[in-house]
Amino acid sequence: MIGFFPQLYPDELWYSVIMRYHLHAGIAYWSDTLQLLFPDCRTYPKVGELLPNTTMQQLQHVLPEGTLDLRELALYHSLFRFRLLFLPHERKQDLLNGFCEGQNIAPALLSVRKKLHEHSLRFCPLCAQEDREQYGEAYWHTEHQIHLLPLCPKHHCRLVEAEQKPSMVLSRQLVTIPPEEIKQNHQATETELALTELLHQWYQFPLEEQANRNSDNLDRAAENAGLLGDGNVNRLAWDKEKTYARLVETFGQQTVQEVFGLHLTTAHLRRLRKLEIAHTEEYALLCTMLGLDAESLFSDKSIPLHLQEQMQALARQDRQYSKQGIAEQLGIQVGQVSSYAARFGIAPFWVQSGSPVTADARKEYTVTIHLSENEKSKLDGYMQQHHFSAYSHVLRQFMMQGLKMEEKG
């Protein structure tokens, strides 16, 4: 008979609640505690699962009414909200409703659990110290168990792994937070800090939050980072080898392999670009690598395209360009200049041979200018620096600027 049950702490992992019950009840063996709490369980009770599980439902039925709320357990004492962040809201709500009605939703959640192997529980030494001061005991925080989270979001110190038997699943062993103070490690890279902040913000998103599948911010960020493959300007296909190599360079081979596998396929990248993949961890690595903030994949606001801004800036300048000069400044191929301008809605602003010319703009006079060797050298340097391809273009630029200054004066 269950004589009492601990009150849940903020963001406490479900396993932690069972662990504290065991310690408070003074039961000698962990297996005896599980047998007492789940006497009708035909298999080993999976209290160590990081997602909502049947042990929550089983205890809710035998404890006094109001002791446990299945919705609260799923949303705030498991990784349900975080791991399902990129599922459509209707699908998330259906799973939550089914769980609260007593359904075993574990089979339906297999798609968001694949790839990531179970790791040891982790804790923040400073959080454990604060918990002891406030509650009289330390407990396992749910957020700290996010697979990719390297640092405590509150204290920015490195999370510490528990002394846990790797050959045995968590549910079968009692794992407690060490009572002694552990030295904090605050050394972290900029990438780890950025990844921690992104994961923390996503973890705080409500269940109702959903990715904007009409947004092209992931594609835009990849294009800004130079990750698009060669080909049509409007195709926007990512280079899978280049993307995978950049991920490995940013996060290391082991982390990338755990999240994405040994390589990326064209089909997988296409689904990622359309936000059709369910794995939050994949988007976390991509967004951190590309410098996207937590709102970018959930917002209606598009991030700027660097190439578009640069081309618009060139178009606003009152001067003549050749396609070659534009291509050199933008770092693209000459043959792509017209295609990019059309894609960005920018009217041609370069010298176009064979274009119809109005009567007042027709060039009917020739002017010859004689330059010294020093003057020609300076002019050549100016042309090279400012990407002019013809003497007539740069001299016309100087002339028009001078005439405008004369008119203003």
Protein backbone atom coordinates (compact mmCIF):
# COMPACT_ATOMS: atom_id res chain seq x y z
CA MET A 1 0.00 0.00 0.00
CA ILE A 2 1.27 3.47 -0.90
CA GLY A 3 1.11 5.57 2.25
CA PHE A 4 2.41 8.81 0.74
CA PHE A 5 3.83 10.26 -2.46
CA PRO A 6 6.29 13.15 -2.84
CA GLN A 7 5.14 16.50 -4.17
CA LEU A 8 6.72 17.20 -7.55
CA TYR A 9 9.32 19.96 -7.81
CA PRO A 10 9.52 22.44 -10.73
CA ASP A 11 10.86 20.76 -13.89
CA GLU A 12 11.48 17.50 -12.01
CA LEU A 13 12.01 14.42 -14.14
CA TRP A 14 9.50 11.62 -13.52
CA TYR A 15 12.32 9.21 -12.67
CA SER A 16 13.48 11.68 -10.01
CA VAL A 17 10.08 11.56 -8.29
CA ILE A 18 10.24 7.76 -8.06
CA MET A 19 13.84 7.99 -6.82
CA ARG A 20 12.84 10.40 -4.02
CA TYR A 21 9.92 8.16 -3.06
CA HIS A 22 12.36 5.28 -2.69
CA LEU A 23 14.71 7.33 -0.48
CA HIS A 24 11.93 8.80 1.68
CA ALA A 25 10.24 5.43 2.17
CA GLY A 26 13.50 3.91 3.41
CA ILE A 27 13.14 0.83 1.24
CA ALA A 28 16.34 -1.18 0.96
CA TYR A 29 16.19 -2.27 -2.65
CA TRP A 30 15.19 -0.34 -5.79
CA SER A 31 13.47 -3.43 -7.20
CA ASP A 32 11.27 -3.62 -4.07
CA THR A 33 10.18 -0.01 -4.57
CA LEU A 34 9.16 -0.69 -8.18
CA GLN A 35 7.31 -3.84 -7.13
CA LEU A 36 5.43 -1.85 -4.47
CA LEU A 37 4.47 1.00 -6.81
CA PHE A 38 3.68 -1.14 -9.86
CA PRO A 39 2.58 -4.58 -8.62
CA ASP A 40 0.56 -5.37 -11.76
CA CYS A 41 3.33 -4.49 -14.21
CA ARG A 42 4.10 -7.55 -16.37
CA THR A 43 7.37 -6.09 -17.63
CA TYR A 44 9.96 -3.98 -15.85
CA PRO A 45 8.36 -0.57 -15.11
CA LYS A 46 9.89 2.00 -17.48
CA VAL A 47 10.20 4.82 -14.97
CA GLY A 48 13.40 6.00 -16.63
CA GLU A 49 11.73 6.96 -19.93
CA LEU A 50 12.19 10.62 -20.83
CA LEU A 51 8.80 10.76 -22.57
CA PRO A 52 5.33 10.14 -21.08
CA ASN A 53 4.94 6.47 -20.17
CA THR A 54 2.47 4.03 -18.69
CA THR A 55 4.01 4.16 -15.18
CA MET A 56 2.58 7.69 -14.85
CA GLN A 57 -0.88 6.41 -15.75
CA GLN A 58 -0.60 3.42 -13.42
CA LEU A 59 0.28 5.53 -10.38
CA GLN A 60 -2.33 8.14 -11.18
CA HIS A 61 -5.00 5.45 -10.88
CA VAL A 62 -3.93 4.17 -7.44
CA LEU A 63 -3.08 7.47 -5.74
CA PRO A 64 -5.75 9.73 -4.24
CA GLU A 65 -7.58 11.84 -6.81
CA GLY A 66 -5.71 15.04 -7.63
CA THR A 67 -2.29 13.73 -6.54
CA LEU A 68 -1.06 13.44 -10.11
CA ASP A 69 -2.21 15.23 -13.25
CA LEU A 70 -1.26 13.35 -16.41
CA ARG A 71 -1.29 16.48 -18.54
CA GLU A 72 1.10 18.22 -16.13
CA LEU A 73 3.35 15.15 -16.01
CA ALA A 74 3.59 14.98 -19.80
CA LEU A 75 4.14 18.68 -20.38
CA TYR A 76 6.40 19.63 -17.46
CA HIS A 77 8.01 16.44 -16.14
CA SER A 78 9.04 14.78 -19.41
CA LEU A 79 10.57 15.91 -22.68
CA PHE A 80 7.21 15.69 -24.47
CA ARG A 81 6.98 19.38 -25.47
CA PHE A 82 10.62 19.55 -26.57
CA ARG A 83 10.88 16.29 -28.51
CA LEU A 84 7.55 16.92 -30.30
CA LEU A 85 8.25 20.60 -31.06
CA PHE A 86 8.36 20.11 -34.85
CA LEU A 87 5.23 18.00 -35.12
CA PRO A 88 2.02 19.74 -36.26
CA HIS A 89 0.04 21.08 -33.33
CA GLU A 90 -2.95 18.85 -34.07
CA ARG A 91 -0.74 15.76 -33.90
CA LYS A 92 0.81 16.87 -30.60
CA GLN A 93 -2.60 17.57 -29.10
CA ASP A 94 -3.95 14.19 -30.22
CA LEU A 95 -1.02 12.40 -28.56
CA LEU A 96 -1.44 14.38 -25.35
CA ASN A 97 -5.18 13.73 -25.24
CA GLY A 98 -4.62 10.04 -25.87
CA PHE A 99 -2.09 9.85 -23.05
CA CYS A 100 -4.44 11.60 -20.62
CA GLU A 101 -7.18 9.14 -21.59
CA GLY A 102 -4.93 6.21 -20.64
CA GLN A 103 -3.54 5.20 -24.02
CA ASN A 104 0.00 3.88 -24.34
CA ILE A 105 1.47 6.42 -26.77
CA ALA A 106 5.00 4.96 -26.66
CA PRO A 107 4.66 3.17 -30.05
CA ALA A 108 3.48 6.41 -31.67
CA LEU A 109 6.52 8.24 -30.29
CA LEU A 110 9.08 5.85 -31.75
CA SER A 111 9.71 8.22 -34.67
CA VAL A 112 10.92 10.98 -32.35
CA ARG A 113 13.12 8.64 -30.30
CA LYS A 114 15.19 6.97 -33.01
CA LYS A 115 18.90 7.61 -33.44
CA LEU A 116 19.53 9.07 -29.97
CA HIS A 117 20.91 6.48 -27.57
CA GLU A 118 20.04 6.75 -23.90
CA HIS A 119 22.78 8.60 -22.03
CA SER A 120 23.52 8.92 -18.34
CA LEU A 121 21.48 11.37 -16.30
CA ARG A 122 23.08 14.78 -15.95
CA PHE A 123 22.91 17.50 -13.34
CA CYS A 124 24.23 20.98 -12.68
CA PRO A 125 26.27 21.25 -9.45
CA LEU A 126 24.99 24.77 -8.80
CA CYS A 127 21.35 23.77 -9.39
CA ALA A 128 21.82 20.83 -7.00
CA GLN A 129 23.20 23.19 -4.38
CA GLU A 130 20.30 25.62 -4.81
CA ASP A 131 17.78 22.74 -4.66
CA ARG A 132 19.22 21.58 -1.33
CA GLU A 133 19.01 25.09 0.06
CA GLN A 134 15.40 25.57 -1.11
CA TYR A 135 13.90 22.08 -0.85
CA GLY A 136 16.29 20.22 1.42
CA GLU A 137 17.31 17.78 -1.33
CA ALA A 138 18.61 17.76 -4.89
CA TYR A 139 16.62 16.32 -7.78
CA TRP A 140 17.02 15.52 -11.47
CA HIS A 141 15.90 18.37 -13.72
CA THR A 142 14.09 17.41 -16.91
CA GLU A 143 15.71 20.10 -19.04
CA HIS A 144 19.20 18.89 -18.15
CA GLN A 145 18.41 15.58 -19.87
CA ILE A 146 18.08 17.11 -23.36
CA HIS A 147 20.47 15.02 -25.39
CA LEU A 148 22.49 17.86 -26.94
CA LEU A 149 22.48 20.26 -23.98
CA PRO A 150 26.14 20.81 -22.97
CA LEU A 151 25.68 23.48 -20.29
CA CYS A 152 23.22 24.44 -17.58
CA PRO A 153 21.08 27.21 -19.15
CA LYS A 154 20.90 29.04 -15.81
CA HIS A 155 24.51 28.90 -14.63
CA HIS A 156 26.38 28.16 -17.89
CA CYS A 157 28.50 25.52 -16.20
CA ARG A 158 29.07 22.14 -17.79
CA LEU A 159 26.55 19.46 -16.86
CA VAL A 160 27.92 16.50 -14.92
CA GLU A 161 27.08 12.92 -15.86
CA ALA A 162 25.87 10.62 -13.10
CA GLU A 163 27.66 7.44 -12.12
CA GLN A 164 25.32 5.18 -14.03
CA LYS A 165 25.88 1.69 -15.42
CA PRO A 166 25.91 2.09 -19.20
CA SER A 167 25.08 -1.57 -19.74
CA MET A 168 21.79 -1.29 -17.84
CA VAL A 169 18.77 0.88 -18.71
CA LEU A 170 18.00 3.67 -16.26
CA SER A 171 14.70 2.13 -15.11
CA ARG A 172 16.55 -0.85 -13.59
CA GLN A 173 18.97 1.12 -11.42
CA LEU A 174 18.89 3.67 -8.63
CA VAL A 175 20.87 6.77 -9.60
CA THR A 176 21.19 9.62 -7.12
CA ILE A 177 22.87 13.01 -7.26
CA PRO A 178 26.11 12.96 -5.22
CA PRO A 179 25.69 14.71 -1.85
CA GLU A 180 29.13 16.31 -1.93
CA GLU A 181 29.87 19.54 -3.75
CA ILE A 182 31.37 19.08 -7.20
CA LYS A 183 33.70 21.58 -8.81
CA GLN A 184 31.98 23.58 -11.52
CA ASN A 185 33.44 23.79 -15.00
CA HIS A 186 32.53 27.07 -16.70
CA GLN A 187 34.75 26.59 -19.75
CA ALA A 188 32.63 26.65 -22.90
CA THR A 189 32.95 27.54 -26.56
CA GLU A 190 30.79 30.12 -28.31
CA THR A 191 29.10 27.27 -30.17
CA GLU A 192 28.19 25.50 -26.90
CA LEU A 193 26.80 28.73 -25.44
CA ALA A 194 24.73 29.38 -28.56
CA LEU A 195 23.43 25.80 -28.67
CA THR A 196 22.52 25.91 -24.97
CA GLU A 197 20.57 29.15 -25.39
CA LEU A 198 18.69 27.84 -28.43
CA LEU A 199 17.74 24.56 -26.73
CA HIS A 200 16.67 26.41 -23.59
CA GLN A 201 14.36 28.74 -25.50
CA TRP A 202 12.86 25.88 -27.48
CA TYR A 203 12.34 23.91 -24.26
CA GLN A 204 10.28 26.80 -22.91
CA PHE A 205 7.99 27.00 -25.94
CA PRO A 206 4.38 26.05 -25.15
CA LEU A 207 2.76 23.01 -26.71
CA GLU A 208 0.79 25.29 -29.06
CA GLU A 209 3.97 26.57 -30.73
CA GLN A 210 4.59 25.08 -34.14
CA ALA A 211 7.09 25.56 -36.92
CA ASN A 212 6.11 27.83 -39.80
CA ARG A 213 6.23 25.49 -42.79
CA ASN A 214 5.69 28.41 -45.16
CA SER A 215 8.89 30.06 -43.97
CA ASP A 216 12.05 29.77 -46.05
CA ASN A 217 14.42 30.96 -43.34
CA LEU A 218 16.34 27.69 -43.23
CA ASP A 219 16.95 27.89 -46.98
CA ARG A 220 17.90 31.57 -46.71
CA ALA A 221 20.39 30.91 -43.92
CA ALA A 222 21.92 28.02 -45.87
CA GLU A 223 22.25 30.24 -48.93
CA ASN A 224 23.89 32.99 -46.83
CA ALA A 225 26.33 30.37 -45.53
CA GLY A 226 27.24 29.21 -49.05
CA LEU A 227 25.76 25.73 -48.63
CA LEU A 228 23.71 25.61 -51.83
CA GLY A 229 24.80 23.22 -54.53
CA ASP A 230 25.77 24.24 -58.04
CA GLY A 231 22.94 24.57 -60.51
CA ASN A 232 19.88 26.64 -61.21
CA VAL A 233 19.70 29.90 -59.24
CA ASN A 234 16.09 29.21 -58.25
CA ARG A 235 16.54 25.53 -57.36
CA LEU A 236 17.93 26.16 -53.84
CA ALA A 237 19.16 22.57 -53.38
CA TRP A 238 21.68 22.16 -50.59
CA ASP A 239 25.04 20.53 -51.13
CA LYS A 240 24.74 17.49 -48.83
CA GLU A 241 28.48 16.80 -48.59
CA LYS A 242 29.32 20.43 -47.85
CA THR A 243 26.50 20.68 -45.26
CA TYR A 244 27.60 17.51 -43.45
CA ALA A 245 31.24 18.61 -43.46
CA ARG A 246 30.29 22.01 -42.03
CA LEU A 247 28.28 20.30 -39.26
CA VAL A 248 31.23 18.08 -38.37
CA GLU A 249 33.54 21.09 -38.36
CA THR A 250 31.18 22.89 -35.98
CA PHE A 251 30.12 20.12 -33.59
CA GLY A 252 32.49 17.20 -34.10
CA GLN A 253 32.04 13.84 -35.80
CA GLN A 254 30.52 12.01 -32.83
CA THR A 255 27.71 14.50 -32.18
CA VAL A 256 26.80 14.81 -35.86
CA GLN A 257 26.85 11.05 -36.34
CA GLU A 258 24.56 10.53 -33.31
CA VAL A 259 22.02 13.02 -34.63
CA PHE A 260 22.19 12.64 -38.43
CA GLY A 261 23.89 9.31 -38.95
CA LEU A 262 26.94 8.66 -41.13
CA HIS A 263 25.85 10.98 -43.95
CA LEU A 264 23.07 13.20 -45.27
CA THR A 265 20.93 12.27 -48.25
CA THR A 266 19.30 14.60 -50.75
CA ALA A 267 15.86 13.34 -49.70
CA HIS A 268 16.56 13.93 -46.01
CA LEU A 269 17.78 17.48 -46.67
CA ARG A 270 14.68 18.19 -48.75
CA ARG A 271 12.45 17.12 -45.85
CA LEU A 272 14.50 19.20 -43.41
CA ARG A 273 14.14 22.27 -45.62
CA LYS A 274 10.37 21.76 -45.62
CA LEU A 275 10.38 21.27 -41.80
CA GLU A 276 8.91 17.79 -42.22
CA ILE A 277 11.44 16.02 -39.98
CA ALA A 278 10.26 15.43 -36.41
CA HIS A 279 13.65 15.45 -34.69
CA THR A 280 14.20 18.68 -32.75
CA GLU A 281 17.90 17.90 -32.32
CA GLU A 282 18.56 18.03 -36.07
CA TYR A 283 17.13 21.52 -36.38
CA ALA A 284 19.02 22.60 -33.26
CA LEU A 285 22.37 21.74 -34.82
CA LEU A 286 21.46 23.33 -38.15
CA CYS A 287 20.15 26.55 -36.59
CA THR A 288 23.18 26.91 -34.31
CA MET A 289 25.59 26.30 -37.19
CA LEU A 290 23.75 28.81 -39.40
CA GLY A 291 23.42 31.45 -36.68
CA LEU A 292 19.61 31.38 -36.54
CA ASP A 293 17.85 32.42 -33.35
CA ALA A 294 15.13 30.42 -31.61
CA GLU A 295 12.27 32.25 -33.36
CA SER A 296 13.56 31.93 -36.94
CA LEU A 297 11.78 28.67 -37.82
CA PHE A 298 8.54 29.73 -36.11
CA SER A 299 8.21 33.28 -37.41
CA ASP A 300 6.50 34.80 -40.46
CA LYS A 301 9.37 37.27 -40.83
CA SER A 302 12.01 36.26 -43.36
CA ILE A 303 15.66 36.79 -42.61
CA PRO A 304 17.50 38.92 -45.22
CA LEU A 305 19.47 37.35 -48.04
CA HIS A 306 22.98 38.78 -48.11
CA LEU A 307 23.30 38.47 -51.89
CA GLN A 308 19.99 40.24 -52.45
CA GLU A 309 21.00 43.12 -50.18
CA GLN A 310 24.37 43.43 -51.92
CA MET A 311 22.82 43.43 -55.40
CA GLN A 312 20.21 46.01 -54.35
CA ALA A 313 23.00 48.20 -52.97
CA LEU A 314 24.85 48.03 -56.29
CA ALA A 315 21.67 48.83 -58.21
CA ARG A 316 21.13 51.97 -56.13
CA GLN A 317 24.52 53.38 -57.10
CA ASP A 318 24.39 55.92 -59.90
CA ARG A 319 26.98 54.33 -62.14
CA GLN A 320 27.39 51.91 -65.01
CA TYR A 321 28.39 48.30 -64.35
CA SER A 322 29.31 45.47 -66.60
CA LYS A 323 28.02 42.00 -65.79
CA GLN A 324 31.60 40.95 -65.19
CA GLY A 325 32.07 43.70 -62.61
CA ILE A 326 28.82 42.79 -60.84
CA ALA A 327 29.73 39.10 -60.78
CA GLU A 328 33.15 39.87 -59.30
CA GLN A 329 31.70 42.01 -56.53
CA LEU A 330 28.99 39.50 -55.63
CA GLY A 331 31.16 36.40 -55.98
CA ILE A 332 28.86 34.74 -58.52
CA GLN A 333 29.20 33.64 -62.13
CA VAL A 334 28.63 36.14 -64.95
CA GLY A 335 25.86 33.95 -66.32
CA GLN A 336 24.00 34.11 -62.98
CA VAL A 337 23.73 37.92 -62.81
CA SER A 338 20.53 38.17 -64.87
CA SER A 339 18.97 35.15 -63.10
CA TYR A 340 19.61 36.53 -59.62
CA ALA A 341 18.34 39.98 -60.62
CA ALA A 342 15.13 38.41 -61.95
CA ARG A 343 14.73 36.31 -58.81
CA PHE A 344 15.14 39.36 -56.57
CA GLY A 345 12.95 41.60 -58.73
CA ILE A 346 15.83 43.96 -59.58
CA ALA A 347 15.73 45.71 -62.95
CA PRO A 348 18.91 45.39 -65.06
CA PHE A 349 21.42 48.06 -64.02
CA TRP A 350 24.37 46.94 -66.11
CA VAL A 351 25.49 47.94 -69.61
CA GLN A 352 23.40 46.00 -72.11
CA SER A 353 24.56 45.75 -75.69
CA GLY A 354 21.86 45.75 -78.34
CA SER A 355 19.27 47.40 -76.08
CA PRO A 356 17.04 50.04 -77.72
CA VAL A 357 18.23 53.57 -76.96
CA THR A 358 16.02 56.67 -76.85
CA ALA A 359 16.94 59.66 -79.02
CA ASP A 360 18.05 61.84 -76.12
CA ALA A 361 20.24 59.04 -74.72
CA ARG A 362 21.87 58.08 -78.05
CA LYS A 363 25.65 58.56 -78.05
CA GLU A 364 26.63 60.58 -81.17
CA TYR A 365 29.86 62.28 -80.15
CA THR A 366 33.35 61.03 -79.45
CA VAL A 367 35.70 62.74 -77.03
CA THR A 368 39.39 61.90 -76.86
CA ILE A 369 41.35 62.42 -73.64
CA HIS A 370 45.13 62.25 -73.38
CA LEU A 371 46.57 60.91 -70.10
CA SER A 372 50.05 60.81 -68.70
CA GLU A 373 51.53 57.48 -67.62
CA ASN A 374 50.91 58.39 -63.98
CA GLU A 375 47.29 59.45 -64.65
CA LYS A 376 46.58 56.25 -66.59
CA SER A 377 48.10 54.18 -63.79
CA LYS A 378 45.87 55.86 -61.22
CA LEU A 379 42.83 55.42 -63.46
CA ASP A 380 43.60 51.73 -63.96
CA GLY A 381 43.90 51.26 -60.20
CA TYR A 382 40.58 53.02 -59.60
CA MET A 383 38.86 50.86 -62.25
CA GLN A 384 40.21 47.67 -60.74
CA GLN A 385 39.23 48.69 -57.22
CA HIS A 386 35.69 49.67 -58.23
CA HIS A 387 35.13 46.94 -60.82
CA PHE A 388 34.87 49.11 -63.93
CA SER A 389 35.46 47.22 -67.17
CA ALA A 390 35.79 50.12 -69.64
CA TYR A 391 37.46 53.53 -69.61
CA SER A 392 34.31 55.09 -71.06
CA HIS A 393 32.26 53.86 -68.09
CA VAL A 394 34.47 55.32 -65.40
CA LEU A 395 35.09 58.60 -67.25
CA ARG A 396 31.36 59.01 -67.83
CA GLN A 397 30.86 58.40 -64.10
CA PHE A 398 33.35 61.16 -63.24
CA MET A 399 31.74 63.51 -65.76
CA MET A 400 28.18 62.98 -64.50
CA GLN A 401 29.24 63.42 -60.88
CA GLY A 402 31.01 66.67 -61.78
CA LEU A 403 28.03 68.00 -63.72
CA LYS A 404 25.68 67.19 -60.81
CA MET A 405 27.94 69.03 -58.37
CA GLU A 406 27.99 71.98 -60.76
CA GLU A 407 24.20 72.03 -60.95
CA LYS A 408 23.87 71.92 -57.16
CA GLY A 409 26.46 74.68 -56.78
